[in-house]
Protein backbone atom coordinates (compact mmCIF):
# COMPACT_ATOMS: atom_id res chain seq x y z
CA PRO A 1 -24.29 -12.82 -21.74
CA ALA A 2 -24.34 -12.28 -18.74
CA ARG A 3 -24.99 -15.97 -17.97
CA ALA A 4 -22.57 -17.47 -20.21
CA ARG A 5 -19.66 -14.74 -18.27
CA HIS A 6 -21.07 -16.55 -14.58
CA VAL A 7 -21.23 -19.66 -15.99
CA ALA A 8 -17.36 -19.17 -17.33
CA TYR A 9 -16.49 -18.04 -13.59
CA ARG A 10 -17.59 -20.85 -11.77
CA TRP A 11 -16.14 -23.09 -14.11
CA CYS A 12 -12.61 -21.96 -14.22
CA ALA A 13 -12.97 -21.87 -9.91
CA ARG A 14 -13.60 -25.49 -10.97
CA ARG A 15 -10.75 -26.42 -13.30
CA ALA A 16 -7.71 -28.05 -12.32
CA THR A 17 -5.18 -25.74 -13.44
CA PRO A 18 -1.40 -25.86 -13.95
CA LEU A 19 -0.41 -21.98 -13.95
CA PRO A 20 0.57 -20.91 -10.87
CA VAL A 21 -1.56 -19.44 -7.37
CA MET A 22 -0.60 -17.60 -4.68
CA GLU A 23 1.06 -20.49 -2.51
CA LEU A 24 1.57 -17.66 0.37
CA SER A 25 -0.54 -15.50 1.05
CA LEU A 26 1.50 -12.26 2.31
CA ASP A 27 -1.16 -10.22 2.32
CA LEU A 28 -3.28 -11.56 4.41
CA LEU A 29 -0.29 -12.28 6.78
CA LEU A 30 0.64 -8.59 6.93
CA TYR A 31 -2.84 -7.50 7.65
CA VAL A 32 -3.02 -9.86 10.45
CA ALA A 33 -0.08 -8.34 11.55
CA LEU A 34 -0.58 -5.19 11.43
CA LEU A 35 -3.66 -5.21 12.94
CA VAL A 36 -1.50 -7.43 15.86
CA LEU A 37 0.71 -4.18 16.14
CA PHE A 38 -1.63 -1.77 16.26
CA VAL A 39 -2.99 -3.37 19.51
CA TRP A 40 0.49 -3.79 20.65
CA ARG A 41 0.63 -0.36 20.28
CA GLY A 42 -1.61 0.71 22.61
CA LEU A 43 -0.94 -1.86 25.18
CA CYS A 44 3.35 -1.27 25.32
CA PRO A 45 4.34 1.25 22.15
CA TRP A 46 7.81 1.84 23.73
CA ARG A 47 8.30 0.71 27.31
CA CYS A 48 6.04 -1.65 29.55
CA CYS A 49 6.16 -1.18 33.34
CA GLY A 50 8.44 1.54 32.90
CA LYS A 51 11.28 -0.67 31.06
CA TRP A 52 12.47 0.36 27.79
CA LEU A 53 11.48 -2.21 24.76
CA GLN A 54 14.43 -2.57 22.79
CA VAL A 55 13.51 -5.27 20.36
CA PHE A 56 9.66 -5.76 21.11
CA ASN A 57 8.80 -2.64 20.32
CA TYR A 58 6.51 -2.62 17.24
CA ALA A 59 8.44 -0.56 15.18
CA SER A 60 11.00 -3.24 15.69
CA LEU A 61 8.58 -6.37 15.49
CA LEU A 62 7.20 -4.27 12.04
CA TYR A 63 10.58 -4.19 10.69
CA VAL A 64 11.35 -7.53 11.58
CA LEU A 65 8.79 -9.07 9.36
CA MET A 66 9.33 -7.00 6.39
CA HIS A 67 12.88 -8.46 6.00
CA ALA A 68 12.04 -11.79 6.39
CA LEU A 69 9.03 -10.87 3.47
CA ILE A 70 11.59 -9.48 1.71
CA VAL A 71 13.49 -13.08 1.82
CA VAL A 72 10.42 -14.49 0.81
CA GLU A 73 9.85 -12.27 -1.91
CA VAL A 74 13.74 -12.97 -3.50
CA VAL A 75 12.95 -16.69 -3.14
CA LEU A 76 9.68 -15.82 -5.11
CA LEU A 77 11.56 -13.76 -7.86
CA VAL A 78 14.46 -15.97 -8.40
CA ARG A 79 11.65 -19.25 -8.95
CA ALA A 80 9.89 -16.72 -11.46
CA ALA A 81 13.41 -15.96 -13.01
CA ILE A 82 14.11 -19.45 -13.53
CA ARG A 83 10.98 -20.46 -15.03
CA ASP A 84 11.47 -17.14 -17.33
CA PHE A 85 14.72 -17.89 -18.67
CA ARG A 86 14.54 -21.96 -18.93
CA GLY A 87 11.52 -22.41 -19.76
CA PRO A 88 9.79 -21.43 -23.37
CA PRO A 89 9.63 -18.18 -24.35
CA SER A 90 6.42 -16.04 -23.17
CA ALA A 91 4.81 -13.75 -25.27
CA GLU A 92 4.64 -11.33 -22.75
CA VAL A 93 8.01 -11.07 -20.96
CA ASP A 94 10.02 -12.25 -24.67
CA ASP A 95 8.32 -9.84 -27.34
CA ARG A 96 11.48 -7.90 -28.72
CA ASN A 97 9.39 -4.92 -28.34
CA ILE A 98 8.90 -5.09 -24.92
CA SER A 99 11.35 -7.65 -23.28
CA TRP A 100 12.94 -4.50 -21.15
CA ILE A 101 10.32 -5.07 -18.74
CA ARG A 102 11.62 -8.61 -17.49
CA TRP A 103 14.71 -6.17 -16.35
CA VAL A 104 12.82 -3.52 -15.22
CA VAL A 105 10.60 -6.16 -12.98
CA LEU A 106 14.58 -8.45 -11.82
CA CYS A 107 15.72 -4.79 -10.65
CA SER A 108 13.06 -3.65 -8.70
CA LEU A 109 14.61 -5.81 -5.61
CA LEU A 110 17.23 -3.25 -5.79
CA PRO A 111 15.24 -0.05 -4.90
CA MET A 112 13.25 -2.46 -2.49
CA ILE A 113 16.14 -3.02 -0.05
CA ALA A 114 17.33 0.41 -0.29
CA THR A 115 13.81 1.63 0.24
CA LEU A 116 13.73 -0.72 3.68
CA ALA A 117 16.98 -0.02 4.81
CA LEU A 118 16.60 4.17 4.29
CA ALA A 119 13.09 4.18 6.06
CA TRP A 120 14.95 1.77 9.16
CA ARG A 121 17.85 4.40 9.57
CA GLN A 122 15.32 7.42 10.01
CA THR A 123 13.49 5.26 12.21
CA GLN A 124 16.15 4.92 14.28
CA GLU A 125 16.76 8.46 14.46
CA HIS A 126 13.32 9.11 15.44
CA VAL A 127 13.60 5.99 18.08
CA GLY A 128 16.83 7.33 20.06
CA LYS A 129 14.33 10.61 20.49
CA ILE A 130 11.83 8.87 21.82
CA ARG A 131 13.95 6.96 24.31
CA LYS A 132 14.91 10.02 25.14
CA ARG A 133 11.43 11.33 25.93
CA LYS A 134 11.63 14.26 23.07
CA ALA A 135 8.66 15.03 21.90
CA GLU A 136 7.68 11.08 22.28
CA LEU A 137 3.93 11.27 20.20
CA GLN A 138 5.25 13.23 17.58
CA HIS A 139 7.97 11.30 16.93
CA ASP A 140 6.33 8.04 17.09
CA ARG A 141 3.90 9.36 14.49
CA ALA A 142 6.66 10.28 12.57
CA VAL A 143 8.09 6.36 12.53
CA GLN A 144 4.55 5.06 11.19
CA ILE A 145 4.62 7.54 8.28
CA ILE A 146 8.26 6.70 7.26
CA ALA A 147 7.77 3.42 7.10
CA LEU A 148 4.72 3.36 4.36
CA PRO A 149 7.68 3.64 1.61
CA PRO A 150 8.56 0.18 2.57
CA VAL A 151 5.41 -1.43 3.62
CA TYR A 152 3.68 -0.25 0.50
CA GLY A 153 6.47 -1.25 -2.08
CA LEU A 154 6.91 -4.56 0.04
CA MET A 155 2.81 -5.36 -1.11
CA ALA A 156 3.75 -3.84 -4.48
CA MET A 157 6.83 -6.51 -4.84
CA SER A 158 4.87 -9.10 -3.67
CA SER A 159 1.95 -8.88 -6.46
CA LEU A 160 4.88 -7.97 -8.79
CA THR A 161 6.33 -11.37 -8.40
CA GLN A 162 3.49 -13.54 -8.54
CA LEU A 163 2.12 -11.64 -11.62
CA TYR A 164 5.71 -12.22 -12.84
CA LEU A 165 5.86 -15.83 -12.30
CA LEU A 166 2.36 -16.16 -14.11
CA ALA A 167 3.61 -13.99 -17.08
CA ALA A 168 6.65 -16.67 -17.81
CA SER A 169 4.32 -19.73 -17.38
CA ALA A 170 4.43 -21.37 -20.77
CA GLY A 171 0.74 -21.97 -20.47
CA GLN A 172 -1.18 -18.58 -20.69
CA PRO A 173 -4.61 -18.39 -19.11
CA ASP A 174 -7.59 -17.36 -21.33
CA ASP A 175 -9.55 -13.93 -20.45
CA VAL A 176 -11.53 -15.36 -17.80
CA GLN A 177 -8.97 -17.18 -15.64
CA ARG A 178 -6.67 -13.88 -15.99
CA GLN A 179 -9.16 -11.85 -14.69
CA VAL A 180 -9.53 -14.00 -11.43
CA PHE A 181 -5.86 -14.02 -11.29
CA PHE A 182 -5.61 -10.34 -11.53
CA SER A 183 -7.72 -9.70 -8.69
CA ARG A 184 -6.38 -12.21 -6.45
CA TYR A 185 -3.33 -10.25 -6.66
CA ASP A 186 -5.13 -7.24 -6.27
CA THR A 187 -5.35 -7.87 -2.26
CA CYS A 188 -1.85 -7.16 -1.99
CA PHE A 189 -2.73 -3.85 -2.96
CA PHE A 190 -5.56 -3.23 -0.49
CA VAL A 191 -3.41 -3.80 2.36
CA ALA A 192 -0.75 -1.39 1.18
CA ASP A 193 -4.00 0.54 0.97
CA LEU A 194 -4.99 0.72 4.39
CA TYR A 195 -1.31 1.29 5.57
CA GLU A 196 -1.34 3.84 3.52
CA ALA A 197 -4.40 5.59 4.90
CA TRP A 198 -2.86 4.81 8.27
CA ALA A 199 0.41 7.05 6.82
CA LEU A 200 -1.87 9.83 6.14
CA TYR A 201 -3.84 9.41 9.35
CA GLN A 202 -0.90 10.25 10.87
CA LEU A 203 0.42 12.84 9.16
CA GLY A 204 -2.76 14.68 9.64
CA ALA A 205 -2.33 14.14 13.64
CA LEU A 206 1.03 15.36 13.29
CA THR A 207 0.46 18.57 11.72
CA LEU A 208 -2.68 19.10 13.89
CA GLU A 209 -0.31 18.91 16.82
CA VAL A 210 2.80 21.06 15.48
CA LEU A 211 -0.08 23.48 14.53
CA GLY A 212 -2.11 23.60 18.38
CA ALA A 213 0.86 23.70 19.78
CA THR A 214 2.43 26.83 17.57
CA LEU A 215 -1.18 28.61 18.38
CA ALA A 216 -1.43 27.66 22.04
CA GLN A 217 1.96 30.10 22.07
CA ARG A 218 0.13 33.32 20.44
CA ASP A 219 -1.30 33.31 24.19
CA GLY A 220 -5.27 33.53 22.87
CA ARG A 221 -4.25 36.79 20.71
CA ASP A 222 -6.14 35.64 17.71
CA MET A 223 -9.65 34.27 18.39
CA ASP A 224 -10.62 34.42 15.03
CA MET A 225 -7.74 31.78 14.10
CA LEU A 226 -8.21 29.64 17.07
CA LEU A 227 -12.17 29.08 16.01
CA SER A 228 -10.85 28.49 12.13
CA TYR A 229 -8.38 26.05 13.59
CA SER A 230 -10.58 24.13 15.05
CA ALA A 231 -13.21 24.02 12.85
CA VAL A 232 -10.60 22.41 10.15
CA SER A 233 -8.72 20.28 12.06
CA SER A 234 -12.15 18.52 12.70
CA LEU A 235 -12.84 18.20 8.76
CA MET A 236 -9.53 16.83 8.51
CA TRP A 237 -10.41 14.21 11.40
CA LEU A 238 -12.91 13.30 9.84
CA GLY A 239 -11.74 12.87 6.33
CA THR A 240 -8.52 10.79 7.11
CA ALA A 241 -10.60 8.80 9.67
CA LEU A 242 -13.09 7.46 7.00
CA PHE A 243 -10.03 6.69 4.84
CA VAL A 244 -8.55 4.09 6.94
CA VAL A 245 -12.04 3.27 7.77
CA VAL A 246 -12.41 1.98 3.98
CA CYS A 247 -9.39 0.91 3.55
CA VAL A 248 -9.67 -1.55 6.78
CA ALA A 249 -12.91 -2.83 5.35
CA GLN A 250 -11.42 -3.47 1.59
CA ALA A 251 -9.13 -5.54 2.67
CA GLY A 252 -10.57 -7.68 5.23
CA TRP A 253 -13.62 -7.72 3.40
CA SER A 254 -11.26 -8.89 -0.17
CA LEU A 255 -9.20 -11.46 2.30
CA TRP A 256 -12.03 -12.98 3.83
CA GLN A 257 -13.48 -13.73 0.34
CA TRP A 258 -10.26 -14.79 -1.18
CA THR A 259 -9.35 -17.38 1.80
CA VAL A 260 -12.76 -18.16 2.97
CA MET A 261 -15.51 -17.91 1.00
CA ASN A 262 -13.67 -18.96 -2.60
CA ALA A 263 -14.58 -15.62 -4.12
CA ALA A 264 -13.60 -17.16 -7.78
CA SER A 265 -17.06 -19.67 -7.00
CA ASP A 266 -18.76 -16.22 -7.76
CA PHE A 267 -16.78 -13.85 -9.50
CA GLU A 268 -19.25 -11.46 -10.98
CA ALA A 269 -20.17 -10.99 -7.50
CA TYR A 270 -17.22 -10.57 -6.34
CA GLU A 271 -16.18 -7.68 -8.65
CA GLY A 272 -19.75 -6.07 -8.49
CA ASN A 273 -19.09 -5.66 -4.08
CA LEU A 274 -15.41 -4.38 -5.15
CA ARG A 275 -16.32 -1.79 -6.99
CA GLN A 276 -18.35 -0.01 -4.37
CA PHE A 277 -14.95 -0.34 -2.00
CA THR A 278 -13.47 1.24 -4.91
CA TYR A 279 -15.67 4.41 -5.60
CA ALA A 280 -15.49 4.37 -1.56
CA GLY A 281 -11.46 4.80 -1.67
CA LEU A 282 -11.02 7.27 -4.34
CA LEU A 283 -13.59 9.68 -3.00
CA ALA A 284 -11.64 9.20 0.65
CA SER A 285 -8.94 9.31 -0.26
CA GLY A 286 -9.28 12.58 -2.37
CA ALA A 287 -10.85 14.07 0.85
CA ALA A 288 -8.21 12.77 3.03
CA ILE A 289 -5.35 14.48 0.65
CA TYR A 290 -7.55 17.83 -0.20
CA ASN A 291 -8.12 18.08 4.00
CA VAL A 292 -4.40 17.74 4.82
CA HIS A 293 -3.56 19.79 1.79
CA THR A 294 -5.70 22.55 3.10
CA VAL A 295 -4.74 22.63 6.72
CA GLU A 296 -1.10 22.98 5.11
CA HIS A 297 -1.61 25.82 2.30
CA THR A 298 -3.55 27.55 5.12
CA TYR A 299 -1.68 27.36 7.71
CA ALA A 300 1.74 27.52 6.28
CA SER A 301 3.12 30.67 8.09
CA LEU A 302 1.97 28.86 11.01
CA LEU A 303 3.75 25.64 10.80
CA GLY A 304 7.58 27.41 10.01
CA SER A 305 10.13 24.71 9.98
CA TYR A 306 8.28 21.53 9.96
CA SER A 307 7.22 21.68 6.18
CA PRO A 308 5.19 19.03 5.93
CA LEU A 309 5.33 19.16 2.05
CA LEU A 310 8.84 18.32 1.53
CA LYS A 311 9.62 16.26 4.72
CA PHE A 312 6.10 14.02 3.93
CA LEU A 313 6.30 14.20 0.49
CA SER A 314 6.29 10.18 -0.44
CA VAL A 315 2.92 9.92 1.41
CA LYS A 316 1.18 11.78 -1.16
CA THR A 317 2.68 10.78 -3.65
CA LEU A 318 1.78 7.34 -3.26
CA VAL A 319 -1.80 8.28 -2.24
CA PHE A 320 -1.99 9.89 -5.34
CA PHE A 321 -0.27 6.93 -7.74
CA SER A 322 -1.66 4.09 -6.18
CA PHE A 323 -4.76 4.93 -7.04
CA TRP A 324 -4.59 6.78 -10.22
CA GLN A 325 -1.47 5.45 -12.29
CA ARG A 326 -3.23 2.40 -13.39
CA GLY A 327 -6.21 4.12 -14.63
CA THR A 328 -3.67 6.07 -16.16
CA LEU A 329 -1.84 3.33 -17.58
CA ASP A 330 -4.95 1.45 -18.75
CA LEU A 331 -6.46 4.22 -20.65
CA LEU A 332 -2.94 5.04 -22.26
CA ARG A 333 -3.07 1.63 -23.37
CA ARG A 334 -6.76 1.66 -24.97
CA VAL A 335 -5.85 4.60 -26.64
CA GLY A 336 -3.07 2.88 -28.46
CA ILE A 337 -0.57 4.83 -26.96
CA LEU A 338 1.31 2.28 -25.09
CA ARG A 339 1.52 -0.98 -27.04
CA PHE A 340 0.76 -3.72 -24.37
CA SER A 341 -1.08 -6.00 -23.07
CA LYS A 342 -3.41 -6.28 -19.69
CA MET A 343 -0.25 -8.39 -18.36
CA GLN A 344 2.04 -6.20 -19.11
CA VAL A 345 0.22 -2.92 -17.64
CA GLU A 346 -0.06 -4.75 -14.63
CA LEU A 347 3.46 -5.78 -14.62
CA LEU A 348 4.57 -2.01 -15.34
CA HIS A 349 2.37 -0.80 -12.71
CA SER A 350 3.88 -2.71 -10.18
CA ALA A 351 6.99 -2.32 -10.54
CA LEU A 352 6.92 1.29 -11.14
CA LEU A 353 5.24 1.58 -7.48
CA VAL A 354 8.05 -0.87 -6.04
CA TYR A 355 10.52 1.97 -7.89
């Protein structure tokens, strides 16, 4: 009964438990940092009073922060591995049929570091063009898009290490506690979704700018094309901007509930409100992806060498898998194709997003 579940959630929130919890809120730290960097980018993105910002531009600060968070994740992963190998066996990671998931988790650090290194290298190429004042706005947008894989991977890694620490613990939580833990770690993905929405917004803006420049060279010879471009661009701005607004609200509200309001004390109300954000996010993300794809497909002949599909495939891939992968894995578990527990599905979902 609903009343009994409500009492159980409140009891779980008050109960002292030896199970591991998120000691350092990396998701809250990154959320605040992204908001600060957004303001800093608006004030002094690359130059301040005409002077080039070599270290204190927003991109360098973002990557410095991500490198620091990677160090924290390494410490947490080592801590979880020690508990796993030295502690008593855990059904979640020591089951003979699923023990390979432990190595998938432990090896996820390698693609995370590689992603961060490759993104920084590509970013430096665009920063060099910005410093030479070559298409500054377009290269600035590219820098923000390139940062999506490491930002999203970092938040997936944060969720993964926390879940691994919980899975390797000797005392396993009951179903009520487990659901509370899962929801707390989901905030990592809400922050990742926020930056994902922003990267998709920048991709749409970049595509429209390239297309607009191409149409401007036609000297108004095709008025029908110009009118259709104006209408489609307005729709795409609306779709991508709505996606950003929903993700900002979802991440901010969820972090507020867990860090200030103690969501575990009234977990059913939290789940009900969060479900509304989830539905809104699914609709907004679908609309945003469809709008960007429609523009790229409709005006493919005018975009020429821009090749947005190949250039920013990671953005669209992450948008798709971040919203649909977990549901697909959980469905396969429910129908018996994947013989995993709920914890193992969560571990696999986070690890695959890192990879």
